[in-house]
Amino acid sequence: MSRHTGCEDYVLQLLQILEELPDVRQDKVDKLRKQIQQGSYQVDAGRVADRILEEALKDLLYRTGKNVN
């Protein structure tokens, strides 16, 4: 029988919590679906563009072996 350190126990607890989380946050899906159906959902194009550029930069840094924070 192996003994876990405090850190290992903590990680195992976190993994168990993550496994119990739903794959889909139905409350958010329902809210967005309602907004779309009502025509009140609005996309922040600037925010979307920022995230696209951020992810592209992270991907580029990862592929070139640079540290990504």
N, C-alpha and C. Protein backbone atom coordinates (compact mmCIF):
# COMPACT_ATOMS: atom_id res chain seq x y z
N MET A 1 0.85 -1.18 0.00
CA MET A 1 0.00 0.00 0.00
C MET A 1 0.89 1.23 0.00
N SER A 2 0.61 2.15 -0.93
CA SER A 2 1.44 3.34 -1.00
C SER A 2 0.77 4.48 -0.24
N ARG A 3 1.61 5.37 0.25
CA ARG A 3 1.11 6.56 0.96
C ARG A 3 1.30 7.76 0.06
N HIS A 4 0.31 8.60 0.03
CA HIS A 4 0.38 9.82 -0.77
C HIS A 4 0.84 10.98 0.09
N THR A 5 1.58 11.87 -0.53
CA THR A 5 1.95 13.10 0.17
C THR A 5 0.75 14.03 0.17
N GLY A 6 0.81 15.09 0.94
CA GLY A 6 -0.27 16.06 0.99
C GLY A 6 -0.57 16.62 -0.37
N CYS A 7 0.47 16.88 -1.15
CA CYS A 7 0.30 17.44 -2.49
C CYS A 7 -0.41 16.43 -3.40
N GLU A 8 -0.01 15.18 -3.33
CA GLU A 8 -0.65 14.15 -4.15
C GLU A 8 -2.12 13.99 -3.78
N ASP A 9 -2.42 14.04 -2.48
CA ASP A 9 -3.81 13.94 -2.03
C ASP A 9 -4.61 15.11 -2.57
N TYR A 10 -4.03 16.29 -2.54
CA TYR A 10 -4.70 17.49 -3.03
C TYR A 10 -5.00 17.36 -4.53
N VAL A 11 -4.04 16.88 -5.29
CA VAL A 11 -4.22 16.71 -6.72
C VAL A 11 -5.31 15.66 -6.98
N LEU A 12 -5.30 14.58 -6.22
CA LEU A 12 -6.33 13.56 -6.39
C LEU A 12 -7.72 14.11 -6.07
N GLN A 13 -7.82 14.96 -5.07
CA GLN A 13 -9.10 15.59 -4.73
C GLN A 13 -9.55 16.51 -5.87
N LEU A 14 -8.62 17.28 -6.41
CA LEU A 14 -8.95 18.16 -7.53
C LEU A 14 -9.43 17.36 -8.75
N LEU A 15 -8.75 16.26 -9.03
CA LEU A 15 -9.15 15.42 -10.16
C LEU A 15 -10.56 14.86 -9.96
N GLN A 16 -10.86 14.46 -8.73
CA GLN A 16 -12.19 13.94 -8.43
C GLN A 16 -13.26 15.03 -8.63
N ILE A 17 -12.96 16.24 -8.18
CA ILE A 17 -13.89 17.35 -8.35
C ILE A 17 -14.11 17.62 -9.84
N LEU A 18 -13.03 17.62 -10.62
CA LEU A 18 -13.14 17.86 -12.06
C LEU A 18 -13.98 16.79 -12.75
N GLU A 19 -13.83 15.55 -12.32
CA GLU A 19 -14.60 14.46 -12.91
C GLU A 19 -16.09 14.61 -12.63
N GLU A 20 -16.43 15.26 -11.52
CA GLU A 20 -17.83 15.42 -11.14
C GLU A 20 -18.50 16.62 -11.82
N LEU A 21 -17.71 17.50 -12.41
CA LEU A 21 -18.27 18.66 -13.10
C LEU A 21 -18.96 18.22 -14.38
N PRO A 22 -20.08 18.85 -14.71
CA PRO A 22 -20.75 18.48 -15.96
C PRO A 22 -19.92 18.93 -17.17
N ASP A 23 -20.05 18.18 -18.25
CA ASP A 23 -19.34 18.53 -19.48
C ASP A 23 -19.92 19.79 -20.11
N VAL A 24 -21.20 20.03 -19.86
CA VAL A 24 -21.89 21.18 -20.42
C VAL A 24 -22.54 21.97 -19.29
N ARG A 25 -22.36 23.26 -19.32
CA ARG A 25 -23.02 24.13 -18.34
C ARG A 25 -24.37 24.51 -18.92
N GLN A 26 -25.35 23.66 -18.66
CA GLN A 26 -26.66 23.79 -19.28
C GLN A 26 -27.31 25.14 -19.02
N ASP A 27 -27.06 25.72 -17.85
CA ASP A 27 -27.64 27.03 -17.55
C ASP A 27 -27.16 28.09 -18.53
N LYS A 28 -25.87 28.03 -18.88
CA LYS A 28 -25.32 28.99 -19.85
C LYS A 28 -25.86 28.71 -21.25
N VAL A 29 -25.94 27.44 -21.60
CA VAL A 29 -26.46 27.07 -22.92
C VAL A 29 -27.89 27.57 -23.07
N ASP A 30 -28.70 27.35 -22.04
CA ASP A 30 -30.10 27.78 -22.09
C ASP A 30 -30.21 29.29 -22.21
N LYS A 31 -29.39 30.02 -21.46
CA LYS A 31 -29.42 31.48 -21.51
C LYS A 31 -29.04 31.99 -22.91
N LEU A 32 -27.97 31.43 -23.48
CA LEU A 32 -27.54 31.85 -24.82
C LEU A 32 -28.57 31.47 -25.87
N ARG A 33 -29.14 30.28 -25.75
CA ARG A 33 -30.15 29.85 -26.72
C ARG A 33 -31.34 30.81 -26.70
N LYS A 34 -31.77 31.21 -25.51
CA LYS A 34 -32.89 32.12 -25.38
C LYS A 34 -32.56 33.48 -26.01
N GLN A 35 -31.35 33.98 -25.75
CA GLN A 35 -30.93 35.27 -26.32
C GLN A 35 -30.90 35.20 -27.85
N ILE A 36 -30.41 34.09 -28.38
CA ILE A 36 -30.34 33.93 -29.84
C ILE A 36 -31.74 33.89 -30.43
N GLN A 37 -32.63 33.12 -29.81
CA GLN A 37 -34.00 33.01 -30.30
C GLN A 37 -34.72 34.35 -30.26
N GLN A 38 -34.43 35.16 -29.24
CA GLN A 38 -35.08 36.46 -29.10
C GLN A 38 -34.41 37.54 -29.94
N GLY A 39 -33.26 37.21 -30.51
CA GLY A 39 -32.54 38.18 -31.32
C GLY A 39 -31.77 39.21 -30.50
N SER A 40 -31.57 38.91 -29.22
CA SER A 40 -30.89 39.87 -28.34
C SER A 40 -29.42 39.52 -28.09
N TYR A 41 -28.96 38.40 -28.65
CA TYR A 41 -27.56 38.00 -28.45
C TYR A 41 -26.67 38.87 -29.33
N GLN A 42 -25.66 39.47 -28.72
CA GLN A 42 -24.73 40.31 -29.47
C GLN A 42 -23.30 39.84 -29.24
N VAL A 43 -22.56 39.79 -30.32
CA VAL A 43 -21.17 39.36 -30.27
C VAL A 43 -20.29 40.59 -30.17
N ASP A 44 -19.33 40.56 -29.25
CA ASP A 44 -18.34 41.63 -29.12
C ASP A 44 -17.19 41.28 -30.06
N ALA A 45 -17.23 41.84 -31.28
CA ALA A 45 -16.25 41.50 -32.32
C ALA A 45 -14.82 41.80 -31.87
N GLY A 46 -14.62 42.88 -31.14
CA GLY A 46 -13.29 43.21 -30.65
C GLY A 46 -12.75 42.17 -29.69
N ARG A 47 -13.61 41.70 -28.83
CA ARG A 47 -13.20 40.67 -27.86
C ARG A 47 -12.86 39.36 -28.58
N VAL A 48 -13.68 39.00 -29.57
CA VAL A 48 -13.42 37.79 -30.34
C VAL A 48 -12.08 37.92 -31.07
N ALA A 49 -11.84 39.06 -31.68
CA ALA A 49 -10.58 39.28 -32.40
C ALA A 49 -9.39 39.20 -31.44
N ASP A 50 -9.52 39.80 -30.27
CA ASP A 50 -8.45 39.74 -29.27
C ASP A 50 -8.12 38.30 -28.91
N ARG A 51 -9.14 37.49 -28.67
CA ARG A 51 -8.92 36.10 -28.29
C ARG A 51 -8.29 35.29 -29.41
N ILE A 52 -8.72 35.55 -30.65
CA ILE A 52 -8.14 34.86 -31.80
C ILE A 52 -6.65 35.17 -31.89
N LEU A 53 -6.31 36.45 -31.78
CA LEU A 53 -4.90 36.85 -31.85
C LEU A 53 -4.10 36.28 -30.68
N GLU A 54 -4.70 36.29 -29.50
CA GLU A 54 -4.02 35.74 -28.31
C GLU A 54 -3.71 34.26 -28.50
N GLU A 55 -4.69 33.51 -28.97
CA GLU A 55 -4.49 32.08 -29.18
C GLU A 55 -3.49 31.81 -30.31
N ALA A 56 -3.53 32.61 -31.35
CA ALA A 56 -2.58 32.45 -32.45
C ALA A 56 -1.15 32.72 -31.98
N LEU A 57 -0.98 33.74 -31.13
CA LEU A 57 0.33 34.06 -30.60
C LEU A 57 0.83 32.94 -29.69
N LYS A 58 -0.04 32.43 -28.84
CA LYS A 58 0.34 31.31 -27.96
C LYS A 58 0.77 30.11 -28.79
N ASP A 59 0.00 29.82 -29.84
CA ASP A 59 0.31 28.69 -30.71
C ASP A 59 1.66 28.88 -31.38
N LEU A 60 1.91 30.08 -31.87
CA LEU A 60 3.18 30.39 -32.52
C LEU A 60 4.35 30.24 -31.55
N LEU A 61 4.18 30.78 -30.35
CA LEU A 61 5.24 30.67 -29.34
C LEU A 61 5.48 29.22 -28.94
N TYR A 62 4.40 28.46 -28.84
CA TYR A 62 4.54 27.04 -28.48
C TYR A 62 5.31 26.29 -29.56
N ARG A 63 4.95 26.56 -30.83
CA ARG A 63 5.60 25.84 -31.92
C ARG A 63 7.06 26.23 -32.09
N THR A 64 7.43 27.43 -31.66
CA THR A 64 8.82 27.87 -31.78
C THR A 64 9.62 27.56 -30.52
N GLY A 65 8.96 26.94 -29.54
CA GLY A 65 9.66 26.55 -28.32
C GLY A 65 9.84 27.66 -27.31
N LYS A 66 9.13 28.75 -27.49
CA LYS A 66 9.22 29.86 -26.54
C LYS A 66 8.30 29.56 -25.35
N ASN A 67 8.62 30.16 -24.20
CA ASN A 67 7.81 29.98 -23.01
C ASN A 67 6.52 30.76 -23.13
N VAL A 68 5.41 30.10 -22.89
CA VAL A 68 4.10 30.75 -22.96
C VAL A 68 3.56 30.91 -21.55
N ASN A 69 3.24 32.13 -21.16
CA ASN A 69 2.65 32.36 -19.83
C ASN A 69 1.28 32.92 -19.95
